[in-house]
Protein backbone atom coordinates (compact mmCIF):
# COMPACT_ATOMS: atom_id res chain seq x y z
CA THR A 1 117.38 90.47 63.01
CA THR A 2 120.25 89.76 60.61
CA LYS A 3 119.88 88.72 56.97
CA SER A 4 120.53 85.13 58.05
CA GLY A 5 117.65 85.24 60.51
CA LYS A 6 119.65 85.62 63.74
CA SER A 7 118.13 87.99 66.27
CA VAL A 8 118.87 89.44 69.66
CA SER A 9 116.78 91.23 72.23
CA VAL A 10 117.85 93.33 75.18
CA GLN A 11 115.85 94.08 78.29
CA ALA A 12 116.88 96.42 81.09
CA ASP A 13 115.42 97.37 84.44
CA ARG A 14 117.23 100.22 86.21
CA CYS A 15 114.72 100.39 89.08
CA GLY A 16 116.93 99.32 91.95
CA GLY A 17 119.34 96.70 93.06
CA ASP A 18 122.96 96.14 92.18
CA VAL A 19 122.65 92.94 90.18
CA SER A 20 123.14 92.77 86.43
CA TRP A 21 122.91 89.61 84.39
CA ALA A 22 123.01 88.42 80.82
CA GLN A 23 121.28 85.35 79.49
CA VAL A 24 121.62 83.60 76.15
CA ASP A 25 118.72 81.48 74.94
CA ILE A 26 118.74 79.22 71.91
CA GLY A 27 115.42 77.79 70.82
CA GLY A 28 113.77 79.08 73.98
CA LYS A 29 116.25 77.26 76.22
CA GLU A 30 118.81 79.06 78.39
CA VAL A 31 122.34 78.01 77.39
CA PHE A 32 124.42 80.63 79.21
CA ARG A 33 124.05 83.10 82.06
CA HIS A 34 126.48 85.51 83.70
CA SER A 35 125.74 87.65 86.75
CA MET A 36 127.46 90.67 88.19
CA PRO A 37 128.53 91.02 90.90
CA ASP A 38 130.00 87.53 91.16
CA GLU A 39 131.09 86.01 94.48
CA GLU A 40 134.51 87.70 94.38
CA ASP A 41 132.91 91.08 93.64
CA LYS A 42 130.38 90.58 96.47
CA ALA A 43 133.23 90.05 98.96
CA ASN A 44 134.95 93.22 97.70
CA VAL A 45 131.66 95.15 97.98
CA GLU A 46 131.36 94.23 101.67
CA VAL A 47 134.89 95.48 102.36
CA LEU A 48 134.30 98.74 100.49
CA GLN A 49 130.91 99.36 102.15
CA ALA A 50 132.59 99.17 105.53
CA GLU A 51 135.42 101.44 104.38
CA TYR A 52 133.21 104.04 102.66
CA PRO A 53 129.79 104.07 104.34
CA GLY A 54 127.22 106.16 102.53
CA ALA A 55 128.86 105.99 99.08
CA MET A 56 126.66 105.04 96.14
CA PRO A 57 126.53 101.22 96.08
CA TYR A 58 127.10 100.82 92.33
CA PHE A 59 130.60 102.23 92.75
CA PHE A 60 131.55 99.26 94.91
CA SER A 61 130.75 96.51 92.41
CA GLN A 62 132.54 98.44 89.65
CA ASP A 63 135.57 99.40 91.78
CA PRO A 64 138.10 97.13 90.00
CA ASP A 65 137.00 98.53 86.64
CA TYR A 66 137.36 102.13 87.85
CA ILE A 67 140.88 101.35 89.10
CA THR A 68 141.83 99.88 85.71
CA VAL A 69 140.48 102.91 83.83
CA LYS A 70 142.23 105.38 86.16
CA GLU A 71 145.55 103.52 85.86
CA LYS A 72 145.35 103.45 82.05
CA VAL A 73 144.45 107.15 81.82
CA ALA A 74 147.24 108.12 84.23
CA ASP A 75 149.75 105.98 82.32
CA PHE A 76 148.73 107.55 79.01
CA CYS A 77 148.99 111.07 80.46
CA ALA A 78 152.43 110.34 81.92
CA ASN A 79 153.87 108.30 79.08
CA GLY A 80 151.81 109.02 76.00
């Protein structure tokens, strides 16, 4: 809780599944929610599951992020 009385709480459950979501409540009422994977990610997951059967499923939903990180690291190594 901040000095102005604002507070935040975080809950996590890592016991299975590939869905992550964030929710913002104000005054006990939900005002925002975001889920991952979204519909675009779900379509990509299906393609990758077919291409790489047996791989850990969490890699599939995070595939675009891994590509971005690898490209940035490679660019830094090559170009400084």
